[in-house]
């Protein structure tokens, strides 16, 4: 059953109990919609998600797309993976985030710069 159908059923049931409960469910649904609209191509979003991953934290499902963006930056020569070039390209991308400190960028690149998925 889709999320929208489940939400519709939940709203119908909760509406009979309390307006406050249905307001909460609708606010939760709107929050979920906002979280899904994260711009995975934004270097600052990628930095936030990858730094969390590098420090052992998870950004949850909303970070799966920004993580893919980071790991899809791959440099090859004649079909062979070039780890140093890949690391440099990934660092160049996340360096576009003006608010990220050099320590944060170096941590991300140090852990995931040369990783091939």
PDB file of N, CA and C in Angstrom:
ATOM      1  N   UNK A   1       0.852  -1.165   0.000  1.00  0.00           N
ATOM      2  CA  UNK A   1       0.000   0.000   0.000  1.00  0.00           C
ATOM      3  C   UNK A   1       0.901   1.233   0.000  1.00  0.00           C
ATOM      4  N   UNK A   2       0.598   2.204  -0.810  1.00  0.00           N
ATOM      5  CA  UNK A   2       1.444   3.389  -0.939  1.00  0.00           C
ATOM      6  C   UNK A   2       1.354   4.260   0.311  1.00  0.00           C
ATOM      7  N   UNK A   3       2.352   5.101   0.473  1.00  0.00           N
ATOM      8  CA  UNK A   3       2.390   6.013   1.614  1.00  0.00           C
ATOM      9  C   UNK A   3       1.193   6.945   1.612  1.00  0.00           C
ATOM     10  N   UNK A   4       0.805   7.395   0.425  1.00  0.00           N
ATOM     11  CA  UNK A   4      -0.317   8.334   0.323  1.00  0.00           C
ATOM     12  C   UNK A   4      -1.609   7.660   0.764  1.00  0.00           C
ATOM     13  N   UNK A   5      -1.829   6.400   0.337  1.00  0.00           N
ATOM     14  CA  UNK A   5      -3.044   5.690   0.747  1.00  0.00           C
ATOM     15  C   UNK A   5      -3.045   5.460   2.253  1.00  0.00           C
ATOM     16  N   UNK A   6      -1.891   5.056   2.802  1.00  0.00           N
ATOM     17  CA  UNK A   6      -1.805   4.836   4.248  1.00  0.00           C
ATOM     18  C   UNK A   6      -2.080   6.133   4.997  1.00  0.00           C
ATOM     19  N   UNK A   7      -1.509   7.219   4.493  1.00  0.00           N
ATOM     20  CA  UNK A   7      -1.714   8.505   5.135  1.00  0.00           C
ATOM     21  C   UNK A   7      -3.168   8.934   5.061  1.00  0.00           C
ATOM     22  N   UNK A   8      -3.813   8.705   3.935  1.00  0.00           N
ATOM     23  CA  UNK A   8      -5.220   9.056   3.766  1.00  0.00           C
ATOM     24  C   UNK A   8      -6.093   8.269   4.744  1.00  0.00           C
ATOM     25  N   UNK A   9      -5.818   6.993   4.864  1.00  0.00           N
ATOM     26  CA  UNK A   9      -6.579   6.152   5.805  1.00  0.00           C
ATOM     27  C   UNK A   9      -6.338   6.622   7.227  1.00  0.00           C
ATOM     28  N   UNK A  10      -5.068   6.901   7.549  1.00  0.00           N
ATOM     29  CA  UNK A  10      -4.739   7.358   8.898  1.00  0.00           C
ATOM     30  C   UNK A  10      -5.421   8.678   9.205  1.00  0.00           C
ATOM     31  N   UNK A  11      -5.447   9.580   8.246  1.00  0.00           N
ATOM     32  CA  UNK A  11      -6.110  10.864   8.451  1.00  0.00           C
ATOM     33  C   UNK A  11      -7.609  10.692   8.674  1.00  0.00           C
ATOM     34  N   UNK A  12      -8.223   9.804   7.915  1.00  0.00           N
ATOM     35  CA  UNK A  12      -9.664   9.579   8.063  1.00  0.00           C
ATOM     36  C   UNK A  12      -9.983   9.034   9.451  1.00  0.00           C
ATOM     37  N   UNK A  13      -9.169   8.101   9.918  1.00  0.00           N
ATOM     38  CA  UNK A  13      -9.389   7.515  11.240  1.00  0.00           C
ATOM     39  C   UNK A  13      -9.135   8.545  12.330  1.00  0.00           C
ATOM     40  N   UNK A  14      -8.046   9.269  12.201  1.00  0.00           N
ATOM     41  CA  UNK A  14      -7.694  10.240  13.231  1.00  0.00           C
ATOM     42  C   UNK A  14      -8.627  11.444  13.262  1.00  0.00           C
ATOM     43  N   UNK A  15      -9.208  11.787  12.145  1.00  0.00           N
ATOM     44  CA  UNK A  15     -10.106  12.942  12.101  1.00  0.00           C
ATOM     45  C   UNK A  15     -11.305  12.742  13.019  1.00  0.00           C
ATOM     46  N   UNK A  16     -11.723  11.503  13.172  1.00  0.00           N
ATOM     47  CA  UNK A  16     -12.865  11.245  14.041  1.00  0.00           C
ATOM     48  C   UNK A  16     -12.483  11.374  15.519  1.00  0.00           C
ATOM     49  N   UNK A  17     -11.189  11.265  15.836  1.00  0.00           N
ATOM     50  CA  UNK A  17     -10.759  11.348  17.232  1.00  0.00           C
ATOM     51  C   UNK A  17     -10.407  12.772  17.653  1.00  0.00           C
ATOM     52  N   UNK A  18      -9.624  13.421  16.813  1.00  0.00           N
ATOM     53  CA  UNK A  18      -9.129  14.720  17.257  1.00  0.00           C
ATOM     54  C   UNK A  18      -8.575  15.510  16.083  1.00  0.00           C
ATOM     55  N   UNK A  19      -8.875  16.783  16.069  1.00  0.00           N
ATOM     56  CA  UNK A  19      -8.307  17.655  15.026  1.00  0.00           C
ATOM     57  C   UNK A  19      -6.808  17.806  15.240  1.00  0.00           C
ATOM     58  N   UNK A  20      -6.376  17.788  16.479  1.00  0.00           N
ATOM     59  CA  UNK A  20      -4.952  17.921  16.784  1.00  0.00           C
ATOM     60  C   UNK A  20      -4.163  16.757  16.204  1.00  0.00           C
ATOM     61  N   UNK A  21      -4.675  15.571  16.327  1.00  0.00           N
ATOM     62  CA  UNK A  21      -3.987  14.396  15.798  1.00  0.00           C
ATOM     63  C   UNK A  21      -3.872  14.463  14.286  1.00  0.00           C
ATOM     64  N   UNK A  22      -4.943  14.873  13.621  1.00  0.00           N
ATOM     65  CA  UNK A  22      -4.880  14.949  12.163  1.00  0.00           C
ATOM     66  C   UNK A  22      -3.946  16.069  11.718  1.00  0.00           C
ATOM     67  N   UNK A  23      -3.890  17.164  12.480  1.00  0.00           N
ATOM     68  CA  UNK A  23      -2.942  18.232  12.159  1.00  0.00           C
ATOM     69  C   UNK A  23      -1.514  17.716  12.266  1.00  0.00           C
ATOM     70  N   UNK A  24      -1.244  16.901  13.277  1.00  0.00           N
ATOM     71  CA  UNK A  24       0.096  16.335  13.459  1.00  0.00           C
ATOM     72  C   UNK A  24       0.465  15.440  12.276  1.00  0.00           C
ATOM     73  N   UNK A  25      -0.441  14.591  11.857  1.00  0.00           N
ATOM     74  CA  UNK A  25      -0.168  13.693  10.742  1.00  0.00           C
ATOM     75  C   UNK A  25       0.092  14.494   9.471  1.00  0.00           C
ATOM     76  N   UNK A  26      -0.688  15.526   9.220  1.00  0.00           N
ATOM     77  CA  UNK A  26      -0.489  16.330   8.025  1.00  0.00           C
ATOM     78  C   UNK A  26       0.847  17.066   8.085  1.00  0.00           C
ATOM     79  N   UNK A  27       1.195  17.610   9.260  1.00  0.00           N
ATOM     80  CA  UNK A  27       2.484  18.276   9.405  1.00  0.00           C
ATOM     81  C   UNK A  27       3.628  17.290   9.185  1.00  0.00           C
ATOM     82  N   UNK A  28       3.478  16.074   9.672  1.00  0.00           N
ATOM     83  CA  UNK A  28       4.481  15.035   9.486  1.00  0.00           C
ATOM     84  C   UNK A  28       4.621  14.696   8.005  1.00  0.00           C
ATOM     85  N   UNK A  29       3.499  14.627   7.292  1.00  0.00           N
ATOM     86  CA  UNK A  29       3.516  14.340   5.861  1.00  0.00           C
ATOM     87  C   UNK A  29       4.218  15.467   5.101  1.00  0.00           C
ATOM     88  N   UNK A  30       3.920  16.718   5.453  1.00  0.00           N
ATOM     89  CA  UNK A  30       4.559  17.849   4.787  1.00  0.00           C
ATOM     90  C   UNK A  30       6.054  17.868   5.060  1.00  0.00           C
ATOM     91  N   UNK A  31       6.451  17.527   6.279  1.00  0.00           N
ATOM     92  CA  UNK A  31       7.870  17.458   6.622  1.00  0.00           C
ATOM     93  C   UNK A  31       8.554  16.383   5.779  1.00  0.00           C
ATOM     94  N   UNK A  32       7.905  15.240   5.618  1.00  0.00           N
ATOM     95  CA  UNK A  32       8.459  14.144   4.814  1.00  0.00           C
ATOM     96  C   UNK A  32       8.642  14.594   3.366  1.00  0.00           C
ATOM     97  N   UNK A  33       7.689  15.342   2.833  1.00  0.00           N
ATOM     98  CA  UNK A  33       7.791  15.829   1.466  1.00  0.00           C
ATOM     99  C   UNK A  33       8.971  16.791   1.322  1.00  0.00           C
ATOM    100  N   UNK A  34       9.188  17.642   2.330  1.00  0.00           N
ATOM    101  CA  UNK A  34      10.300  18.579   2.286  1.00  0.00           C
ATOM    102  C   UNK A  34      11.628  17.831   2.331  1.00  0.00           C
ATOM    103  N   UNK A  35      11.719  16.789   3.160  1.00  0.00           N
ATOM    104  CA  UNK A  35      12.946  16.014   3.265  1.00  0.00           C
ATOM    105  C   UNK A  35      13.271  15.317   1.955  1.00  0.00           C
ATOM    106  N   UNK A  36      12.269  14.876   1.221  1.00  0.00           N
ATOM    107  CA  UNK A  36      12.503  14.187  -0.034  1.00  0.00           C
ATOM    108  C   UNK A  36      12.963  15.140  -1.122  1.00  0.00           C
ATOM    109  N   UNK A  37      12.760  16.439  -0.923  1.00  0.00           N
ATOM    110  CA  UNK A  37      13.127  17.395  -1.955  1.00  0.00           C
ATOM    111  C   UNK A  37      14.542  17.943  -1.758  1.00  0.00           C
ATOM    112  N   UNK A  38      15.370  17.231  -1.001  1.00  0.00           N
ATOM    113  CA  UNK A  38      16.766  17.638  -0.798  1.00  0.00           C
ATOM    114  C   UNK A  38      17.467  17.654  -2.145  1.00  0.00           C
ATOM    115  N   UNK A  39      18.262  18.691  -2.375  1.00  0.00           N
ATOM    116  CA  UNK A  39      19.008  18.820  -3.626  1.00  0.00           C
ATOM    117  C   UNK A  39      20.297  18.018  -3.509  1.00  0.00           C
ATOM    118  N   UNK A  40      20.304  16.821  -4.056  1.00  0.00           N
ATOM    119  CA  UNK A  40      21.458  15.931  -3.924  1.00  0.00           C
ATOM    120  C   UNK A  40      22.663  16.427  -4.709  1.00  0.00           C
ATOM    121  N   UNK A  41      22.474  17.386  -5.607  1.00  0.00           N
ATOM    122  CA  UNK A  41      23.580  17.937  -6.371  1.00  0.00           C
ATOM    123  C   UNK A  41      24.239  19.130  -5.699  1.00  0.00           C
ATOM    124  N   UNK A  42      23.689  19.560  -4.572  1.00  0.00           N
ATOM    125  CA  UNK A  42      24.243  20.677  -3.827  1.00  0.00           C
ATOM    126  C   UNK A  42      25.476  20.192  -3.058  1.00  0.00           C
ATOM    127  N   UNK A  43      26.644  20.769  -3.315  1.00  0.00           N
ATOM    128  CA  UNK A  43      27.859  20.305  -2.637  1.00  0.00           C
ATOM    129  C   UNK A  43      27.763  20.373  -1.110  1.00  0.00           C
ATOM    130  N   UNK A  44      27.040  21.354  -0.574  1.00  0.00           N
ATOM    131  CA  UNK A  44      26.919  21.464   0.888  1.00  0.00           C
ATOM    132  C   UNK A  44      26.086  20.319   1.474  1.00  0.00           C
ATOM    133  N   UNK A  45      25.072  19.888   0.745  1.00  0.00           N
ATOM    134  CA  UNK A  45      24.277  18.737   1.187  1.00  0.00           C
ATOM    135  C   UNK A  45      25.145  17.478   1.146  1.00  0.00           C
ATOM    136  N   UNK A  46      25.922  17.348   0.090  1.00  0.00           N
ATOM    137  CA  UNK A  46      26.824  16.199  -0.033  1.00  0.00           C
ATOM    138  C   UNK A  46      27.838  16.214   1.107  1.00  0.00           C
ATOM    139  N   UNK A  47      28.395  17.382   1.421  1.00  0.00           N
ATOM    140  CA  UNK A  47      29.360  17.501   2.520  1.00  0.00           C
ATOM    141  C   UNK A  47      28.719  17.069   3.831  1.00  0.00           C
ATOM    142  N   UNK A  48      27.525  17.568   4.093  1.00  0.00           N
ATOM    143  CA  UNK A  48      26.847  17.234   5.346  1.00  0.00           C
ATOM    144  C   UNK A  48      26.635  15.725   5.475  1.00  0.00           C
ATOM    145  N   UNK A  49      26.143  15.110   4.418  1.00  0.00           N
ATOM    146  CA  UNK A  49      25.868  13.674   4.464  1.00  0.00           C
ATOM    147  C   UNK A  49      27.149  12.848   4.534  1.00  0.00           C
ATOM    148  N   UNK A  50      28.144  13.222   3.755  1.00  0.00           N
ATOM    149  CA  UNK A  50      29.384  12.455   3.731  1.00  0.00           C
ATOM    150  C   UNK A  50      30.186  12.632   5.018  1.00  0.00           C
ATOM    151  N   UNK A  51      30.126  13.811   5.629  1.00  0.00           N
ATOM    152  CA  UNK A  51      30.816  14.000   6.898  1.00  0.00           C
ATOM    153  C   UNK A  51      30.155  13.145   7.977  1.00  0.00           C
ATOM    154  N   UNK A  52      28.838  13.097   7.953  1.00  0.00           N
ATOM    155  CA  UNK A  52      28.142  12.220   8.892  1.00  0.00           C
ATOM    156  C   UNK A  52      28.560  10.777   8.699  1.00  0.00           C
ATOM    157  N   UNK A  53      28.642  10.354   7.460  1.00  0.00           N
ATOM    158  CA  UNK A  53      29.049   8.980   7.156  1.00  0.00           C
ATOM    159  C   UNK A  53      30.499   8.740   7.596  1.00  0.00           C
ATOM    160  N   UNK A  54      31.368   9.724   7.398  1.00  0.00           N
ATOM    161  CA  UNK A  54      32.788   9.593   7.761  1.00  0.00           C
ATOM    162  C   UNK A  54      32.995   9.531   9.272  1.00  0.00           C
ATOM    163  N   UNK A  55      32.063  10.113  10.020  1.00  0.00           N
ATOM    164  CA  UNK A  55      32.193  10.119  11.479  1.00  0.00           C
ATOM    165  C   UNK A  55      31.337   9.043  12.148  1.00  0.00           C
ATOM    166  N   UNK A  56      30.805   8.142  11.344  1.00  0.00           N
ATOM    167  CA  UNK A  56      30.051   7.021  11.901  1.00  0.00           C
ATOM    168  C   UNK A  56      28.590   7.304  12.163  1.00  0.00           C
ATOM    169  N   UNK A  57      28.091   8.408  11.653  1.00  0.00           N
ATOM    170  CA  UNK A  57      26.676   8.749  11.798  1.00  0.00           C
ATOM    171  C   UNK A  57      25.978   8.545  10.468  1.00  0.00           C
ATOM    172  N   UNK A  58      24.690   8.442  10.524  1.00  0.00           N
ATOM    173  CA  UNK A  58      23.927   8.253   9.297  1.00  0.00           C
ATOM    174  C   UNK A  58      22.920   9.367   9.142  1.00  0.00           C
ATOM    175  N   UNK A  59      22.823   9.851   7.928  1.00  0.00           N
ATOM    176  CA  UNK A  59      21.819  10.871   7.644  1.00  0.00           C
ATOM    177  C   UNK A  59      20.488  10.261   7.257  1.00  0.00           C
ATOM    178  N   UNK A  60      20.421   8.947   7.284  1.00  0.00           N
ATOM    179  CA  UNK A  60      19.188   8.272   6.921  1.00  0.00           C
ATOM    180  C   UNK A  60      18.990   8.217   5.419  1.00  0.00           C
ATOM    181  N   UNK A  61      17.763   7.944   5.038  1.00  0.00           N
ATOM    182  CA  UNK A  61      17.450   7.798   3.614  1.00  0.00           C
ATOM    183  C   UNK A  61      17.619   9.085   2.829  1.00  0.00           C
ATOM    184  N   UNK A  62      17.455  10.236   3.483  1.00  0.00           N
ATOM    185  CA  UNK A  62      17.589  11.487   2.741  1.00  0.00           C
ATOM    186  C   UNK A  62      19.027  11.724   2.287  1.00  0.00           C
ATOM    187  N   UNK A  63      19.979  10.965   2.822  1.00  0.00           N
ATOM    188  CA  UNK A  63      21.376  11.105   2.396  1.00  0.00           C
ATOM    189  C   UNK A  63      21.774  10.092   1.326  1.00  0.00           C
ATOM    190  N   UNK A  64      20.907   9.181   0.973  1.00  0.00           N
ATOM    191  CA  UNK A  64      21.300   8.173  -0.018  1.00  0.00           C
ATOM    192  C   UNK A  64      21.592   8.803  -1.375  1.00  0.00           C
ATOM    193  N   UNK A  65      20.809   9.759  -1.790  1.00  0.00           N
ATOM    194  CA  UNK A  65      21.029  10.406  -3.082  1.00  0.00           C
ATOM    195  C   UNK A  65      22.290  11.285  -3.088  1.00  0.00           C
ATOM    196  N   UNK A  66      22.515  12.122  -2.053  1.00  0.00           N
ATOM    197  CA  UNK A  66      23.769  12.882  -2.019  1.00  0.00           C
ATOM    198  C   UNK A  66      25.006  11.983  -1.958  1.00  0.00           C
ATOM    199  N   UNK A  67      24.907  10.852  -1.257  1.00  0.00           N
ATOM    200  CA  UNK A  67      26.028   9.908  -1.208  1.00  0.00           C
ATOM    201  C   UNK A  67      26.294   9.323  -2.595  1.00  0.00           C
ATOM    202  N   UNK A  68      25.235   9.005  -3.319  1.00  0.00           N
ATOM    203  CA  UNK A  68      25.403   8.502  -4.688  1.00  0.00           C
ATOM    204  C   UNK A  68      26.073   9.549  -5.561  1.00  0.00           C
ATOM    205  N   UNK A  69      25.666  10.810  -5.387  1.00  0.00           N
ATOM    206  CA  UNK A  69      26.283  11.892  -6.153  1.00  0.00           C
ATOM    207  C   UNK A  69      27.788  11.910  -5.922  1.00  0.00           C
ATOM    208  N   UNK A  70      28.199  11.781  -4.674  1.00  0.00           N
ATOM    209  CA  UNK A  70      29.622  11.783  -4.332  1.00  0.00           C
ATOM    210  C   UNK A  70      30.337  10.578  -4.945  1.00  0.00           C
ATOM    211  N   UNK A  71      29.780   9.394  -4.753  1.00  0.00           N
ATOM    212  CA  UNK A  71      30.443   8.177  -5.218  1.00  0.00           C
ATOM    213  C   UNK A  71      30.366   7.996  -6.740  1.00  0.00           C
ATOM    214  N   UNK A  72      29.484   8.727  -7.400  1.00  0.00           N
ATOM    215  CA  UNK A  72      29.411   8.669  -8.864  1.00  0.00           C
ATOM    216  C   UNK A  72      30.498   9.512  -9.530  1.00  0.00           C
ATOM    217  N   UNK A  73      31.222  10.281  -8.748  1.00  0.00           N
ATOM    218  CA  UNK A  73      32.363  11.022  -9.289  1.00  0.00           C
ATOM    219  C   UNK A  73      33.526  10.033  -9.357  1.00  0.00           C
ATOM    220  N   UNK A  74      33.812   9.576 -10.565  1.00  0.00           N
ATOM    221  CA  UNK A  74      34.838   8.549 -10.780  1.00  0.00           C
ATOM    222  C   UNK A  74      35.689   8.967 -11.977  1.00  0.00           C
ATOM    223  N   UNK A  75      36.973   8.813 -11.833  1.00  0.00           N
ATOM    224  CA  UNK A  75      37.898   9.079 -12.933  1.00  0.00           C
ATOM    225  C   UNK A  75      38.540   7.765 -13.358  1.00  0.00           C
ATOM    226  N   UNK A  76      38.576   7.562 -14.673  1.00  0.00           N
ATOM    227  CA  UNK A  76      39.132   6.336 -15.243  1.00  0.00           C
ATOM    228  C   UNK A  76      40.035   6.689 -16.415  1.00  0.00           C
ATOM    229  N   UNK A  77      40.928   5.774 -16.718  1.00  0.00           N
ATOM    230  CA  UNK A  77      41.748   5.875 -17.920  1.00  0.00           C
ATOM    231  C   UNK A  77      41.790   4.493 -18.543  1.00  0.00           C
ATOM    232  N   UNK A  78      41.307   4.413 -19.754  1.00  0.00           N
ATOM    233  CA  UNK A  78      41.221   3.146 -20.476  1.00  0.00           C
ATOM    234  C   UNK A  78      40.469   2.093 -19.649  1.00  0.00           C
ATOM    235  N   UNK A  79      39.430   2.547 -18.973  1.00  0.00           N
ATOM    236  CA  UNK A  79      38.585   1.644 -18.203  1.00  0.00           C
ATOM    237  C   UNK A  79      39.099   1.307 -16.815  1.00  0.00           C
ATOM    238  N   UNK A  80      40.300   1.763 -16.488  1.00  0.00           N
ATOM    239  CA  UNK A  80      40.873   1.479 -15.165  1.00  0.00           C
ATOM    240  C   UNK A  80      40.586   2.631 -14.201  1.00  0.00           C
ATOM    241  N   UNK A  81      40.177   2.270 -13.007  1.00  0.00           N
ATOM    242  CA  UNK A  81      39.868   3.236 -11.958  1.00  0.00           C
ATOM    243  C   UNK A  81      41.145   3.952 -11.514  1.00  0.00           C
ATOM    244  N   UNK A  82      41.077   5.278 -11.469  1.00  0.00           N
ATOM    245  CA  UNK A  82      42.209   6.092 -11.027  1.00  0.00           C
ATOM    246  C   UNK A  82      41.885   6.693  -9.652  1.00  0.00           C
ATOM    247  N   UNK A  83      42.343   6.057  -8.580  1.00  0.00           N
ATOM    248  CA  UNK A  83      41.963   6.512  -7.237  1.00  0.00           C
ATOM    249  C   UNK A  83      42.409   7.938  -6.909  1.00  0.00           C
ATOM    250  N   UNK A  84      43.616   8.321  -7.281  1.00  0.00           N
ATOM    251  CA  UNK A  84      44.095   9.672  -6.954  1.00  0.00           C
ATOM    252  C   UNK A  84      43.325  10.744  -7.727  1.00  0.00           C
ATOM    253  N   UNK A  85      43.055  10.494  -8.991  1.00  0.00           N
ATOM    254  CA  UNK A  85      42.281  11.444  -9.797  1.00  0.00           C
ATOM    255  C   UNK A  85      40.831  11.523  -9.297  1.00  0.00           C
ATOM    256  N   UNK A  86      40.299  10.383  -8.915  1.00  0.00           N
ATOM    257  CA  UNK A  86      38.938  10.346  -8.367  1.00  0.00           C
ATOM    258  C   UNK A  86      38.870  11.155  -7.083  1.00  0.00           C
ATOM    259  N   UNK A  87      39.851  10.949  -6.214  1.00  0.00           N
ATOM    260  CA  UNK A  87      39.905  11.684  -4.954  1.00  0.00           C
ATOM    261  C   UNK A  87      39.987  13.186  -5.202  1.00  0.00           C
ATOM    262  N   UNK A  88      40.829  13.583  -6.152  1.00  0.00           N
ATOM    263  CA  UNK A  88      40.963  15.010  -6.487  1.00  0.00           C
ATOM    264  C   UNK A  88      39.654  15.586  -7.028  1.00  0.00           C
ATOM    265  N   UNK A  89      38.975  14.831  -7.878  1.00  0.00           N
ATOM    266  CA  UNK A  89      37.707  15.296  -8.461  1.00  0.00           C
ATOM    267  C   UNK A  89      36.620  15.405  -7.394  1.00  0.00           C
ATOM    268  N   UNK A  90      36.578  14.445  -6.496  1.00  0.00           N
ATOM    269  CA  UNK A  90      35.588  14.496  -5.411  1.00  0.00           C
ATOM    270  C   UNK A  90      35.853  15.683  -4.497  1.00  0.00           C
ATOM    271  N   UNK A  91      37.138  15.913  -4.190  1.00  0.00           N
ATOM    272  CA  UNK A  91      37.476  17.048  -3.333  1.00  0.00           C
ATOM    273  C   UNK A  91      37.131  18.364  -4.023  1.00  0.00           C
ATOM    274  N   UNK A  92      37.384  18.450  -5.323  1.00  0.00           N
ATOM    275  CA  UNK A  92      37.043  19.668  -6.066  1.00  0.00           C
ATOM    276  C   UNK A  92      35.542  19.932  -6.011  1.00  0.00           C
ATOM    277  N   UNK A  93      34.745  18.878  -6.107  1.00  0.00           N
ATOM    278  CA  UNK A  93      33.280  19.045  -6.062  1.00  0.00           C
ATOM    279  C   UNK A  93      32.829  19.540  -4.694  1.00  0.00           C
ATOM    280  N   UNK A  94      33.261  18.860  -3.614  1.00  0.00           N
ATOM    281  CA  UNK A  94      32.779  19.264  -2.289  1.00  0.00           C
ATOM    282  C   UNK A  94      33.397  20.576  -1.832  1.00  0.00           C
ATOM    283  N   UNK A  95      34.509  20.977  -2.449  1.00  0.00           N
ATOM    284  CA  UNK A  95      35.130  22.267  -2.117  1.00  0.00           C
ATOM    285  C   UNK A  95      34.281  23.443  -2.586  1.00  0.00           C
ATOM    286  N   UNK A  96      33.308  23.178  -3.427  1.00  0.00           N
ATOM    287  CA  UNK A  96      32.395  24.232  -3.881  1.00  0.00           C
ATOM    288  C   UNK A  96      31.465  24.701  -2.768  1.00  0.00           C
ATOM    289  N   UNK A  97      31.422  23.946  -1.680  1.00  0.00           N
ATOM    290  CA  UNK A  97      30.624  24.345  -0.518  1.00  0.00           C
ATOM    291  C   UNK A  97      31.451  25.328   0.300  1.00  0.00           C
ATOM    292  N   UNK A  98      31.062  26.596   0.264  1.00  0.00           N
ATOM    293  CA  UNK A  98      31.824  27.652   0.932  1.00  0.00           C
ATOM    294  C   UNK A  98      31.851  27.525   2.446  1.00  0.00           C
ATOM    295  N   UNK A  99      30.841  26.879   3.021  1.00  0.00           N
ATOM    296  CA  UNK A  99      30.754  26.809   4.481  1.00  0.00           C
ATOM    297  C   UNK A  99      31.523  25.637   5.071  1.00  0.00           C
ATOM    298  N   UNK A 100      32.020  24.751   4.240  1.00  0.00           N
ATOM    299  CA  UNK A 100      32.763  23.589   4.741  1.00  0.00           C
ATOM    300  C   UNK A 100      34.203  23.986   5.050  1.00  0.00           C
ATOM    301  N   UNK A 101      34.672  23.590   6.219  1.00  0.00           N
ATOM    302  CA  UNK A 101      36.042  23.901   6.607  1.00  0.00           C
ATOM    303  C   UNK A 101      37.002  22.905   5.953  1.00  0.00           C
ATOM    304  N   UNK A 102      38.271  23.289   5.803  1.00  0.00           N
ATOM    305  CA  UNK A 102      39.251  22.361   5.228  1.00  0.00           C
ATOM    306  C   UNK A 102      39.359  21.046   6.009  1.00  0.00           C
ATOM    307  N   UNK A 103      39.197  21.114   7.339  1.00  0.00           N
ATOM    308  CA  UNK A 103      39.256  19.882   8.141  1.00  0.00           C
ATOM    309  C   UNK A 103      38.152  18.910   7.755  1.00  0.00           C
ATOM    310  N   UNK A 104      36.949  19.444   7.549  1.00  0.00           N
ATOM    311  CA  UNK A 104      35.805  18.610   7.165  1.00  0.00           C
ATOM    312  C   UNK A 104      36.043  17.990   5.789  1.00  0.00           C
ATOM    313  N   UNK A 105      36.484  18.813   4.851  1.00  0.00           N
ATOM    314  CA  UNK A 105      36.739  18.317   3.496  1.00  0.00           C
ATOM    315  C   UNK A 105      37.825  17.241   3.508  1.00  0.00           C
ATOM    316  N   UNK A 106      38.890  17.482   4.255  1.00  0.00           N
ATOM    317  CA  UNK A 106      39.981  16.504   4.320  1.00  0.00           C
ATOM    318  C   UNK A 106      39.544  15.202   4.972  1.00  0.00           C
ATOM    319  N   UNK A 107      38.674  15.294   5.964  1.00  0.00           N
ATOM    320  CA  UNK A 107      38.155  14.080   6.623  1.00  0.00           C
ATOM    321  C   UNK A 107      37.363  13.238   5.617  1.00  0.00           C
ATOM    322  N   UNK A 108      36.482  13.882   4.868  1.00  0.00           N
ATOM    323  CA  UNK A 108      35.654  13.169   3.884  1.00  0.00           C
ATOM    324  C   UNK A 108      36.528  12.532   2.812  1.00  0.00           C
ATOM    325  N   UNK A 109      37.451  13.312   2.260  1.00  0.00           N
ATOM    326  CA  UNK A 109      38.308  12.802   1.187  1.00  0.00           C
ATOM    327  C   UNK A 109      39.264  11.742   1.724  1.00  0.00           C
ATOM    328  N   UNK A 110      39.718  11.918   2.954  1.00  0.00           N
ATOM    329  CA  UNK A 110      40.612  10.924   3.552  1.00  0.00           C
ATOM    330  C   UNK A 110      39.945   9.574   3.730  1.00  0.00           C
ATOM    331  N   UNK A 111      38.673   9.581   4.052  1.00  0.00           N
ATOM    332  CA  UNK A 111      37.952   8.319   4.281  1.00  0.00           C
ATOM    333  C   UNK A 111      37.373   7.753   2.983  1.00  0.00           C
ATOM    334  N   UNK A 112      36.786   8.609   2.149  1.00  0.00           N
ATOM    335  CA  UNK A 112      36.031   8.118   0.982  1.00  0.00           C
ATOM    336  C   UNK A 112      36.547   8.586  -0.374  1.00  0.00           C
ATOM    337  N   UNK A 113      37.604   9.384  -0.403  1.00  0.00           N
ATOM    338  CA  UNK A 113      38.078   9.940  -1.660  1.00  0.00           C
ATOM    339  C   UNK A 113      38.462   8.910  -2.708  1.00  0.00           C
ATOM    340  N   UNK A 114      39.104   7.835  -2.277  1.00  0.00           N
ATOM    341  CA  UNK A 114      39.602   6.830  -3.214  1.00  0.00           C
ATOM    342  C   UNK A 114      38.748   5.563  -3.263  1.00  0.00           C
ATOM    343  N   UNK A 115      37.601   5.610  -2.591  1.00  0.00           N
ATOM    344  CA  UNK A 115      36.736   4.427  -2.522  1.00  0.00           C
ATOM    345  C   UNK A 115      35.988   4.238  -3.840  1.00  0.00           C
ATOM    346  N   UNK A 116      36.019   3.015  -4.315  1.00  0.00           N
ATOM    347  CA  UNK A 116      35.273   2.657  -5.534  1.00  0.00           C
ATOM    348  C   UNK A 116      34.146   1.728  -5.109  1.00  0.00           C
ATOM    349  N   UNK A 117      32.916   2.139  -5.392  1.00  0.00           N
ATOM    350  CA  UNK A 117      31.765   1.283  -5.051  1.00  0.00           C
ATOM    351  C   UNK A 117      31.315   0.481  -6.225  1.00  0.00           C
TER     352      UNK A 117
END
